């Protein structure tokens, strides 16, 4: 029988087409736009949004911080098309903001940053008073401190003294802003302010609310405050939803969920006549340093000032999905080219399937790493895992195809080191599992990074350092129930990571038994 006759052409062609459809369906499904009722229209502006003057490469930790006036001018021009006012948190670098707000027809709720440093706090308060008095036509209210009680940076009596100091020197209403629980813990603050500013962020609650329950949760808290602190008015000073980041119980960040929450909240707020401020105008990449990926993605616009579709129009969780589809298809084709000619029906079915899994998981990990990586070390870690996946993909493709010439030499080279590829995947899984068990709050679930190695070496056990394989399997396996307990049984991302971890444990255990 000739070599051509032995090639299982029909099964191979069918598997290739099925794999291509799988990759296309995966990325199209992630990027499919969703239609929701609009929150803002050209004739209907929303009330207020939080604004900080940082460009995507800036942060409040820059010393010295130099605001870019052209950026602030463009930002306010954009925000004026959607909002009536903006809220600020500090006076540093914002000396030009009132004039720019006046230029674009925006009102301001300006804030003074209250910190443990009495000198810095005094300077902020002094600048706040001066700005309010110099711009009475623009400044509609002032906010003395933001979550200072939450951070335990000031006592309630000290805060009251600062509020009274400001009230005696300006004509605008004065308030303080904090998470709603801290108003209940410190009710003595309420008599000092003209109105209460409460922060309601369902994603960050101790008992996180999923997006379907989040608006109802906000409504319940708002009703409690409206009754408890009457006749004081209530401003919902921060509410919003992240578009990227890790899931917390049933609270899942995504662009679609951010749009669902914002549009649902705005509808409810305007039906009930509530005063509100949305957090926040633009994504703030610098916040990822302290809050993980989720901290940098609360914006209604991204860090490049591009519309995320949160307020109006169709919204997609992955608007650039055609780019990732292109890379995924390229990986599928690369897998087929590396594998070359196959000699069995089994290989003809498995090689395209390998390409499909590679085209989905490797690119998904690249997407996740681009969102979550913050420091040089995290970029190196993400890059190392990307390289590991490409090595595993190449090794598996060569194992399935005809081994001759350069393919045989490369396969033999990878095969001799196969135990180390599995050990590297096991080590990465153990490190990530320990992080998710002991310090999970800001860590995303890296399921896509290890699914391909887990599947490949589960189906094809390899020889390697058996004692190390056993130790890694024990660490990962012991962590599975612990991380599920911490995350809650409703966390789909946690279950996905648990499944990948289980596959990796089984792959390590099968290789322990391989001689």
Protein backbone atom coordinates (compact mmCIF):
# COMPACT_ATOMS: atom_id res chain seq x y z
CA UNK A 1 0.00 0.00 0.00
CA UNK A 2 1.40 3.45 -0.93
CA UNK A 3 2.09 6.22 1.56
CA UNK A 4 -0.65 8.30 -0.01
CA UNK A 5 -3.20 5.55 0.43
CA UNK A 6 -2.42 5.27 4.09
CA UNK A 7 -3.17 8.95 4.67
CA UNK A 8 -6.68 9.19 6.26
CA UNK A 9 -7.76 12.14 4.14
CA UNK A 10 -11.49 12.33 4.92
CA UNK A 11 -11.20 12.09 8.74
CA UNK A 12 -8.34 14.59 8.64
CA UNK A 13 -10.27 17.08 6.51
CA UNK A 14 -13.37 16.72 8.69
CA UNK A 15 -11.33 17.24 11.87
CA UNK A 16 -9.59 20.30 10.39
CA UNK A 17 -12.88 21.93 9.45
CA UNK A 18 -14.41 21.10 12.83
CA UNK A 19 -11.37 22.56 14.62
CA UNK A 20 -11.48 25.72 12.55
CA UNK A 21 -15.17 26.17 13.38
CA UNK A 22 -14.39 25.54 17.06
CA UNK A 23 -11.72 28.25 17.16
CA UNK A 24 -13.93 30.70 15.25
CA UNK A 25 -16.92 29.92 17.47
CA UNK A 26 -14.86 30.35 20.64
CA UNK A 27 -13.62 33.83 19.79
CA UNK A 28 -16.86 34.95 18.14
CA UNK A 29 -18.78 33.83 21.22
CA UNK A 30 -16.52 35.89 23.49
CA UNK A 31 -16.83 38.96 21.29
CA UNK A 32 -20.50 38.78 20.31
CA UNK A 33 -22.10 42.24 20.93
CA UNK A 34 -25.02 42.47 23.33
CA UNK A 35 -27.84 44.99 22.94
CA UNK A 36 -29.07 46.77 26.08
CA UNK A 37 -31.24 49.86 26.71
CA UNK A 38 -29.09 53.01 26.52
CA UNK A 39 -28.28 54.99 29.67
CA UNK A 40 -27.05 58.14 27.95
CA UNK A 41 -28.09 59.73 24.67
CA UNK A 42 -27.08 62.96 22.92
CA UNK A 43 -30.13 64.65 24.49
CA UNK A 44 -29.89 63.00 27.92
CA UNK A 45 -26.80 63.63 30.04
CA UNK A 46 -26.10 61.69 33.21
CA UNK A 47 -25.38 63.35 36.53
CA UNK A 48 -21.75 62.90 37.50
CA UNK A 49 -18.63 60.74 37.03
CA UNK A 50 -15.39 60.43 38.99
CA UNK A 51 -12.41 61.97 37.23
CA UNK A 52 -8.69 61.83 37.93
CA UNK A 53 -6.22 63.69 35.69
CA UNK A 54 -3.85 60.78 35.06
CA UNK A 55 -2.95 59.65 31.59
CA UNK A 56 -2.48 55.92 31.11
CA UNK A 57 1.25 56.18 31.88
CA UNK A 58 0.80 58.38 34.97
CA UNK A 59 -0.11 57.79 38.61
CA UNK A 60 -0.49 59.81 41.83
CA UNK A 61 2.84 58.33 42.95
CA UNK A 62 4.78 60.17 40.24
CA UNK A 63 7.16 62.61 41.90
CA UNK A 64 6.59 65.26 40.93
CA UNK A 65 3.23 64.74 39.27
CA UNK A 66 2.86 67.06 36.30
CA UNK A 67 -0.67 67.23 34.87
CA UNK A 68 -1.08 67.45 31.12
CA UNK A 69 -3.40 70.37 30.48
CA UNK A 70 -4.12 69.28 26.91
CA UNK A 71 -5.17 65.85 28.17
CA UNK A 72 -7.45 67.36 30.85
CA UNK A 73 -9.01 69.69 28.28
CA UNK A 74 -9.73 66.81 25.89
CA UNK A 75 -11.04 64.65 28.75
CA UNK A 76 -13.53 67.27 29.89
CA UNK A 77 -14.64 67.93 26.32
CA UNK A 78 -15.44 64.22 26.00
CA UNK A 79 -17.14 63.94 29.41
CA UNK A 80 -19.26 67.03 28.74
CA UNK A 81 -21.03 65.09 25.98
CA UNK A 82 -22.29 62.53 28.52
CA UNK A 83 -22.31 64.17 31.98
CA UNK A 84 -23.41 67.29 33.79
CA UNK A 85 -20.61 67.26 36.38
CA UNK A 86 -17.43 65.49 37.46
CA UNK A 87 -16.13 64.52 40.89
CA UNK A 88 -12.47 64.90 41.91
CA UNK A 89 -10.59 63.47 44.89
CA UNK A 90 -7.63 65.78 45.45
CA UNK A 91 -6.44 69.30 44.75
CA UNK A 92 -2.96 68.28 43.61
CA UNK A 93 -2.37 69.22 40.00
CA UNK A 94 -5.94 70.39 39.42
CA UNK A 95 -5.49 74.15 39.62
CA UNK A 96 -6.58 74.54 35.98
CA UNK A 97 -9.61 72.25 36.28
CA UNK A 98 -12.27 74.84 37.27
CA UNK A 99 -11.48 76.99 34.25
CA UNK A 100 -11.59 73.96 31.96
CA UNK A 101 -14.89 72.84 33.50
CA UNK A 102 -16.30 76.31 32.94
CA UNK A 103 -15.15 76.16 29.33
CA UNK A 104 -17.00 72.89 28.72
CA UNK A 105 -20.12 73.66 30.77
CA UNK A 106 -19.42 71.15 33.56
CA UNK A 107 -20.08 71.47 37.28
CA UNK A 108 -17.53 70.20 39.81
CA UNK A 109 -17.72 68.30 43.08
CA UNK A 110 -14.19 68.88 44.28
CA UNK A 111 -12.43 66.84 46.94
CA UNK A 112 -9.62 67.30 49.44
CA UNK A 113 -7.47 64.23 50.08
CA UNK A 114 -7.35 63.57 53.82
CA UNK A 115 -4.32 61.49 54.87
CA UNK A 116 -2.36 60.68 58.05
CA UNK A 117 0.04 63.52 57.15
CA UNK A 118 -1.41 66.62 58.88
CA UNK A 119 0.70 69.00 56.79
CA UNK A 120 -0.41 67.47 53.48
CA UNK A 121 -4.03 67.35 54.69
CA UNK A 122 -3.92 71.01 55.74
CA UNK A 123 -2.55 71.97 52.31
CA UNK A 124 -5.34 70.02 50.59
CA UNK A 125 -8.04 71.65 52.74
CA UNK A 126 -6.60 75.12 52.17
CA UNK A 127 -6.57 74.59 48.41
CA UNK A 128 -10.11 73.18 48.53
CA UNK A 129 -11.42 76.26 50.29
CA UNK A 130 -9.61 78.61 47.92
CA UNK A 131 -10.92 76.78 44.83
CA UNK A 132 -14.50 76.72 46.09
CA UNK A 133 -14.48 80.43 46.88
CA UNK A 134 -12.79 81.38 43.61
CA UNK A 135 -15.21 79.35 41.46
CA UNK A 136 -18.70 79.50 42.99
CA UNK A 137 -20.30 79.23 39.54
CA UNK A 138 -18.56 75.91 38.83
CA UNK A 139 -18.05 74.21 42.21
CA UNK A 140 -21.41 72.82 43.32
CA UNK A 141 -20.20 70.93 46.42
CA UNK A 142 -17.00 69.97 48.24
CA UNK A 143 -15.95 66.61 49.68
CA UNK A 144 -13.62 66.61 52.69
CA UNK A 145 -11.88 63.24 52.60
CA UNK A 146 -12.45 60.01 50.73
CA UNK A 147 -12.61 56.69 52.65
CA UNK A 148 -10.21 58.02 55.27
CA UNK A 149 -12.11 56.15 58.00
CA UNK A 150 -11.99 52.96 55.95
CA UNK A 151 -8.22 53.28 55.67
CA UNK A 152 -8.00 54.15 59.41
CA UNK A 153 -5.99 57.28 58.56
CA UNK A 154 -8.03 59.65 60.72
CA UNK A 155 -10.42 59.52 63.67
CA UNK A 156 -14.06 60.56 63.51
CA UNK A 157 -13.54 63.63 65.79
CA UNK A 158 -10.61 64.80 63.65
CA UNK A 159 -12.73 64.41 60.54
CA UNK A 160 -15.61 66.39 62.04
CA UNK A 161 -13.20 69.18 62.91
CA UNK A 162 -11.98 69.37 59.32
CA UNK A 163 -15.54 69.39 57.98
CA UNK A 164 -16.51 72.22 60.34
CA UNK A 165 -13.41 74.17 59.33
CA UNK A 166 -14.40 74.01 55.68
CA UNK A 167 -18.09 74.75 56.31
CA UNK A 168 -17.24 78.00 58.09
CA UNK A 169 -15.23 79.29 55.12
CA UNK A 170 -17.27 78.44 52.02
CA UNK A 171 -20.87 78.72 50.85
CA UNK A 172 -21.20 75.40 48.99
CA UNK A 173 -22.57 72.23 50.64
CA UNK A 174 -19.92 70.13 52.40
CA UNK A 175 -19.82 66.33 52.66
CA UNK A 176 -17.54 63.38 53.41
CA UNK A 177 -17.33 60.21 51.27
CA UNK A 178 -16.93 56.64 52.50
CA UNK A 179 -18.16 53.08 52.05
CA UNK A 180 -21.72 52.84 53.33
CA UNK A 181 -20.84 50.56 56.28
CA UNK A 182 -18.58 53.22 57.75
CA UNK A 183 -21.41 55.73 57.91
CA UNK A 184 -23.29 53.21 60.03
CA UNK A 185 -20.21 52.63 62.20
CA UNK A 186 -19.63 56.39 62.65
CA UNK A 187 -23.07 58.04 62.70
CA UNK A 188 -21.55 61.01 64.54
CA UNK A 189 -20.22 62.26 61.20
CA UNK A 190 -23.71 62.74 59.76
CA UNK A 191 -24.70 65.90 61.75
CA UNK A 192 -21.54 67.65 60.57
CA UNK A 193 -22.19 67.29 56.83
CA UNK A 194 -24.80 68.93 54.62
CA UNK A 195 -25.45 65.62 52.86
CA UNK A 196 -24.05 62.07 53.07
CA UNK A 197 -21.88 60.65 50.30
CA UNK A 198 -21.94 56.86 50.36
CA UNK A 199 -19.99 54.39 48.23
CA UNK A 200 -21.90 51.36 46.98
CA UNK A 201 -19.76 48.87 45.04
CA UNK A 202 -21.50 45.47 44.95
CA UNK A 203 -18.42 43.75 43.50
CA UNK A 204 -16.33 44.69 46.57
CA UNK A 205 -18.91 43.86 49.21
CA UNK A 206 -17.91 41.32 51.88
CA UNK A 207 -20.73 39.24 50.41
CA UNK A 208 -20.32 40.09 46.70
CA UNK A 209 -23.50 40.47 44.71
CA UNK A 210 -23.70 39.12 41.17
CA UNK A 211 -24.64 41.59 38.48
CA UNK A 212 -28.24 40.32 38.38
CA UNK A 213 -28.68 41.15 42.09
CA UNK A 214 -26.34 44.17 42.25
CA UNK A 215 -28.80 46.91 41.35
CA UNK A 216 -31.32 45.51 43.83
CA UNK A 217 -28.63 45.52 46.52
CA UNK A 218 -27.89 49.19 45.82
CA UNK A 219 -31.60 49.99 46.04
CA UNK A 220 -31.92 48.28 49.43
CA UNK A 221 -28.94 50.14 50.93
CA UNK A 222 -30.14 53.46 49.50
CA UNK A 223 -33.56 52.95 51.09
CA UNK A 224 -31.96 52.19 54.47
CA UNK A 225 -29.93 55.40 54.37
CA UNK A 226 -32.86 57.45 53.14
CA UNK A 227 -34.83 56.39 56.22
CA UNK A 228 -32.07 56.31 58.84
CA UNK A 229 -30.51 59.70 58.09
CA UNK A 230 -33.58 61.69 57.02
CA UNK A 231 -33.92 64.57 56.37
CA UNK A 232 -30.26 64.61 55.23
CA UNK A 233 -29.93 64.09 51.50
CA UNK A 234 -27.94 61.13 50.18
CA UNK A 235 -25.47 61.12 47.29
CA UNK A 236 -24.37 57.74 45.97
CA UNK A 237 -20.82 59.00 45.53
CA UNK A 238 -19.36 55.89 43.93
CA UNK A 239 -21.05 53.01 42.20
CA UNK A 240 -19.97 50.95 39.24
CA UNK A 241 -18.75 47.59 38.01
CA UNK A 242 -15.36 46.41 36.69
CA UNK A 243 -14.95 45.30 33.09
CA UNK A 244 -11.91 43.05 33.70
CA UNK A 245 -10.53 40.99 36.55
CA UNK A 246 -11.20 37.93 38.67
CA UNK A 247 -14.62 36.71 39.70
CA UNK A 248 -15.63 37.10 43.37
CA UNK A 249 -18.31 34.52 44.23
CA UNK A 250 -21.08 35.42 41.75
CA UNK A 251 -19.66 38.87 40.89
CA UNK A 252 -18.09 38.48 37.44
CA UNK A 253 -16.25 41.42 35.83
CA UNK A 254 -16.85 41.98 32.13
CA UNK A 255 -17.77 44.80 29.80
CA UNK A 256 -21.25 43.41 29.29
CA UNK A 257 -21.80 43.12 33.04
CA UNK A 258 -20.47 46.64 33.59
CA UNK A 259 -22.94 47.93 31.02
CA UNK A 260 -25.78 45.91 32.56
CA UNK A 261 -25.09 47.33 36.00
CA UNK A 262 -24.52 50.95 34.95
CA UNK A 263 -27.55 51.10 32.68
CA UNK A 264 -29.78 49.34 35.20
CA UNK A 265 -28.59 51.56 38.04
CA UNK A 266 -29.03 54.80 36.09
CA UNK A 267 -32.58 53.82 35.16
CA UNK A 268 -33.44 53.06 38.79
CA UNK A 269 -31.70 56.18 40.14
CA UNK A 270 -33.51 58.51 37.77
CA UNK A 271 -36.85 56.84 38.42
CA UNK A 272 -36.36 57.46 42.16
CA UNK A 273 -34.78 60.90 41.90
CA UNK A 274 -31.48 59.80 43.49
CA UNK A 275 -28.32 61.84 43.23
CA UNK A 276 -25.41 59.77 41.97
CA UNK A 277 -21.83 59.72 40.73
CA UNK A 278 -20.47 56.87 38.61
CA UNK A 279 -16.99 55.46 39.09
CA UNK A 280 -15.22 56.19 36.96
CA UNK A 281 -14.69 58.20 33.80
CA UNK A 282 -11.56 56.44 32.49
CA UNK A 283 -9.73 53.19 33.23
CA UNK A 284 -6.79 53.79 35.58
CA UNK A 285 -3.94 51.32 34.87
CA UNK A 286 -1.95 52.49 37.92
CA UNK A 287 -4.58 51.02 40.25
CA UNK A 288 -3.64 47.50 39.15
CA UNK A 289 -0.50 47.79 41.25
CA UNK A 290 -2.46 47.68 44.51
CA UNK A 291 -5.77 46.11 43.46
CA UNK A 292 -4.81 43.59 40.80
CA UNK A 293 -6.26 43.58 37.31
CA UNK A 294 -9.73 44.53 38.50
CA UNK A 295 -8.52 47.86 39.92
CA UNK A 296 -7.60 49.26 36.54
CA UNK A 297 -10.85 48.63 34.70
CA UNK A 298 -13.74 50.54 36.27
CA UNK A 299 -13.83 53.19 33.55
CA UNK A 300 -16.68 54.06 31.26
CA UNK A 301 -13.96 54.76 28.70
CA UNK A 302 -10.66 52.88 28.46
CA UNK A 303 -7.25 54.36 29.30
CA UNK A 304 -6.88 55.49 25.66
CA UNK A 305 -10.18 57.40 26.01
CA UNK A 306 -11.96 55.00 23.67
CA UNK A 307 -15.63 54.28 24.33
CA UNK A 308 -16.13 50.85 25.94
CA UNK A 309 -19.83 50.84 25.05
CA UNK A 310 -20.87 50.98 28.70
CA UNK A 311 -23.37 53.83 28.49
CA UNK A 312 -24.99 53.34 25.09
CA UNK A 313 -25.10 51.12 22.05
CA UNK A 314 -24.07 47.47 21.69
CA UNK A 315 -21.36 46.25 24.07
CA UNK A 316 -18.87 43.42 23.59
CA UNK A 317 -16.72 41.65 26.17
CA UNK A 318 -13.93 41.34 23.59
CA UNK A 319 -14.36 43.98 20.89
CA UNK A 320 -11.00 43.08 19.28
CA UNK A 321 -11.95 39.39 18.99
CA UNK A 322 -11.15 39.22 15.22
CA UNK A 323 -7.49 39.88 16.08
CA UNK A 324 -7.40 37.00 18.55
CA UNK A 325 -9.29 34.83 16.05
CA UNK A 326 -6.55 35.54 13.53
CA UNK A 327 -3.83 34.51 15.99
CA UNK A 328 -5.84 31.45 17.04
CA UNK A 329 -6.27 30.35 13.44
CA UNK A 330 -2.54 30.90 12.83
CA UNK A 331 -1.73 28.62 15.78
CA UNK A 332 -4.11 25.97 14.44
CA UNK A 333 -2.39 26.07 11.06
CA UNK A 334 1.05 26.07 12.69
CA UNK A 335 0.10 22.94 14.63
CA UNK A 336 -0.93 21.18 11.42
CA UNK A 337 2.27 22.22 9.65
CA UNK A 338 4.49 21.10 12.53
CA UNK A 339 2.72 17.74 12.75
CA UNK A 340 2.90 17.18 9.00
CA UNK A 341 1.53 13.98 7.48
CA UNK A 342 -0.35 11.63 9.82
CA UNK A 343 -0.60 7.84 9.41
CA UNK A 344 -3.67 6.85 11.46
CA UNK A 345 -7.25 7.93 11.85
CA UNK A 346 -6.61 8.60 15.53
CA UNK A 347 -3.74 10.99 14.72
CA UNK A 348 -5.83 12.60 11.97
CA UNK A 349 -8.48 13.47 14.52
CA UNK A 350 -6.17 14.44 17.38
CA UNK A 351 -3.78 16.74 15.50
CA UNK A 352 -6.46 19.29 14.45
CA UNK A 353 -8.01 19.01 17.92
CA UNK A 354 -4.62 19.88 19.39
CA UNK A 355 -4.47 22.88 17.08
CA UNK A 356 -7.92 24.03 18.18
CA UNK A 357 -7.11 23.74 21.87
CA UNK A 358 -3.83 25.57 21.28
CA UNK A 359 -5.54 28.30 19.27
CA UNK A 360 -7.99 28.93 22.10
CA UNK A 361 -5.95 28.42 25.28
CA UNK A 362 -2.62 29.99 24.29
CA UNK A 363 -4.26 33.11 22.89
CA UNK A 364 -6.66 33.26 25.85
CA UNK A 365 -3.63 33.22 28.16
CA UNK A 366 -2.01 36.00 26.11
CA UNK A 367 -5.20 38.07 26.47
CA UNK A 368 -5.43 37.41 30.21
CA UNK A 369 -1.73 38.15 30.75
CA UNK A 370 -2.04 41.47 28.90
CA UNK A 371 -4.78 42.48 31.35
CA UNK A 372 -3.34 41.12 34.58
CA UNK A 373 0.44 41.62 34.28
CA UNK A 374 1.61 44.67 36.20
CA UNK A 375 5.32 44.41 36.93
CA UNK A 376 8.36 43.19 35.00
CA UNK A 377 8.37 39.94 36.99
CA UNK A 378 4.74 39.21 36.09
CA UNK A 379 5.41 39.88 32.41
CA UNK A 380 8.37 37.49 32.51
CA UNK A 381 6.23 34.86 34.25
CA UNK A 382 3.47 35.25 31.67
CA UNK A 383 5.99 35.07 28.84
CA UNK A 384 7.59 31.92 30.27
CA UNK A 385 4.21 30.20 30.45
CA UNK A 386 3.47 31.27 26.89
CA UNK A 387 6.75 29.73 25.71
CA UNK A 388 6.02 26.57 27.71
CA UNK A 389 2.66 26.21 25.97
CA UNK A 390 4.28 26.62 22.55
CA UNK A 391 6.85 23.94 23.41
CA UNK A 392 4.12 21.56 24.59
CA UNK A 393 2.08 22.24 21.45
CA UNK A 394 5.12 21.52 19.26
CA UNK A 395 6.02 18.37 21.20
CA UNK A 396 2.49 16.99 20.97
CA UNK A 397 2.13 17.86 17.26
CA UNK A 398 5.39 16.09 16.41
CA UNK A 399 4.32 13.05 18.44
CA UNK A 400 1.15 12.75 16.36
CA UNK A 401 2.72 13.30 12.93
CA UNK A 402 5.22 11.45 10.78
CA UNK A 403 8.69 11.84 12.25
CA UNK A 404 11.36 12.23 9.59
CA UNK A 405 14.08 14.75 8.82
CA UNK A 406 13.98 17.89 10.92
CA UNK A 407 10.75 16.75 12.58
CA UNK A 408 12.44 13.63 13.91
CA UNK A 409 15.44 15.55 15.23
CA UNK A 410 13.26 18.18 16.93
CA UNK A 411 10.93 15.53 18.37
CA UNK A 412 13.82 13.56 19.85
CA UNK A 413 15.21 16.74 21.40
CA UNK A 414 11.86 17.63 23.00
CA UNK A 415 11.08 14.04 23.97
CA UNK A 416 14.29 13.68 25.99
CA UNK A 417 13.24 16.73 28.02
CA UNK A 418 9.52 16.01 28.20
CA UNK A 419 9.66 15.39 31.93
CA UNK A 420 10.94 18.89 32.46
CA UNK A 421 8.07 20.43 30.47
CA UNK A 422 5.58 18.65 32.73
CA UNK A 423 7.61 19.58 35.82
CA UNK A 424 7.57 23.23 34.73
CA UNK A 425 3.78 23.12 34.29
CA UNK A 426 3.42 21.43 37.69
CA UNK A 427 5.66 24.01 39.35
CA UNK A 428 3.64 26.86 37.80
CA UNK A 429 0.41 25.20 38.91
CA UNK A 430 1.70 24.76 42.47
CA UNK A 431 2.86 28.38 42.72
CA UNK A 432 -0.44 29.73 41.40
CA UNK A 433 -2.47 27.40 43.59
CA UNK A 434 -0.62 28.54 46.72
CA UNK A 435 -1.27 32.15 45.75
CA UNK A 436 -4.97 31.52 45.25
CA UNK A 437 -5.24 29.71 48.58
CA UNK A 438 -3.28 32.13 50.77
CA UNK A 439 -3.54 35.50 49.02
CA UNK A 440 -6.34 35.33 46.46
CA UNK A 441 -8.03 38.74 46.61
CA UNK A 442 -6.28 40.33 43.64
CA UNK A 443 -5.16 37.20 41.75
CA UNK A 444 -6.87 36.11 38.56
CA UNK A 445 -7.50 32.46 37.74
CA UNK A 446 -4.81 31.28 35.25
CA UNK A 447 -6.75 28.30 33.88
CA UNK A 448 -5.86 28.99 30.24
CA UNK A 449 -2.13 28.90 31.01
CA UNK A 450 -2.07 25.24 32.07
CA UNK A 451 -4.97 23.53 30.29
CA UNK A 452 -2.90 22.51 27.26
CA UNK A 453 0.03 20.97 29.24
CA UNK A 454 -2.44 19.20 31.54
CA UNK A 455 -4.36 17.63 28.64
CA UNK A 456 -1.29 16.69 26.60
CA UNK A 457 0.58 14.97 29.42
CA UNK A 458 -2.54 13.37 30.82
CA UNK A 459 -3.07 11.64 27.47
CA UNK A 460 0.61 11.00 26.94
CA UNK A 461 2.47 10.43 30.24
CA UNK A 462 6.20 11.12 30.24
CA UNK A 463 9.21 10.03 32.27
CA UNK A 464 10.68 12.52 34.67
CA UNK A 465 11.59 13.28 38.30
CA UNK A 466 8.99 11.09 40.00
CA UNK A 467 9.49 12.43 43.53
CA UNK A 468 9.06 16.02 42.32
CA UNK A 469 6.00 15.02 40.27
CA UNK A 470 4.43 13.52 43.39
CA UNK A 471 5.16 16.58 45.54
CA UNK A 472 3.73 18.97 42.94
CA UNK A 473 0.63 16.80 42.51
CA UNK A 474 0.11 16.81 46.29
CA UNK A 475 0.40 20.62 46.56
CA UNK A 476 -1.97 21.26 43.68
CA UNK A 477 -4.44 18.57 44.74
CA UNK A 478 -4.55 19.73 48.35
CA UNK A 479 -5.20 23.27 47.20
CA UNK A 480 -8.25 22.44 45.06
CA UNK A 481 -10.81 22.10 47.88
CA UNK A 482 -9.22 24.95 49.86
CA UNK A 483 -9.49 27.47 47.04
CA UNK A 484 -13.05 26.34 46.24
CA UNK A 485 -13.94 26.84 49.90
CA UNK A 486 -12.49 30.35 49.86
CA UNK A 487 -14.12 31.36 46.59
CA UNK A 488 -17.54 29.80 47.14
CA UNK A 489 -19.30 27.17 45.09
CA UNK A 490 -20.93 29.79 42.85
CA UNK A 491 -17.63 31.04 41.42
CA UNK A 492 -17.44 29.65 37.89
CA UNK A 493 -13.86 30.82 37.38
CA UNK A 494 -12.81 28.98 40.56
CA UNK A 495 -14.44 25.80 39.28
CA UNK A 496 -12.65 26.19 35.95
CA UNK A 497 -9.32 26.49 37.75
CA UNK A 498 -10.20 23.50 39.95
CA UNK A 499 -10.88 21.39 36.82
CA UNK A 500 -7.61 22.38 35.15
CA UNK A 501 -5.76 21.72 38.41
CA UNK A 502 -7.35 18.28 38.68
CA UNK A 503 -6.28 17.44 35.11
CA UNK A 504 -2.75 18.57 35.95
CA UNK A 505 -2.72 16.44 39.10
CA UNK A 506 -3.83 13.41 37.09
CA UNK A 507 -1.16 14.11 34.46
CA UNK A 508 1.53 14.31 37.13
CA UNK A 509 0.26 11.15 38.83
CA UNK A 510 0.16 9.16 35.58
CA UNK A 511 3.73 10.23 34.88
CA UNK A 512 4.79 9.22 38.39
CA UNK A 513 3.68 5.69 37.47
CA UNK A 514 5.44 5.78 34.09
CA UNK A 515 8.81 4.08 33.82
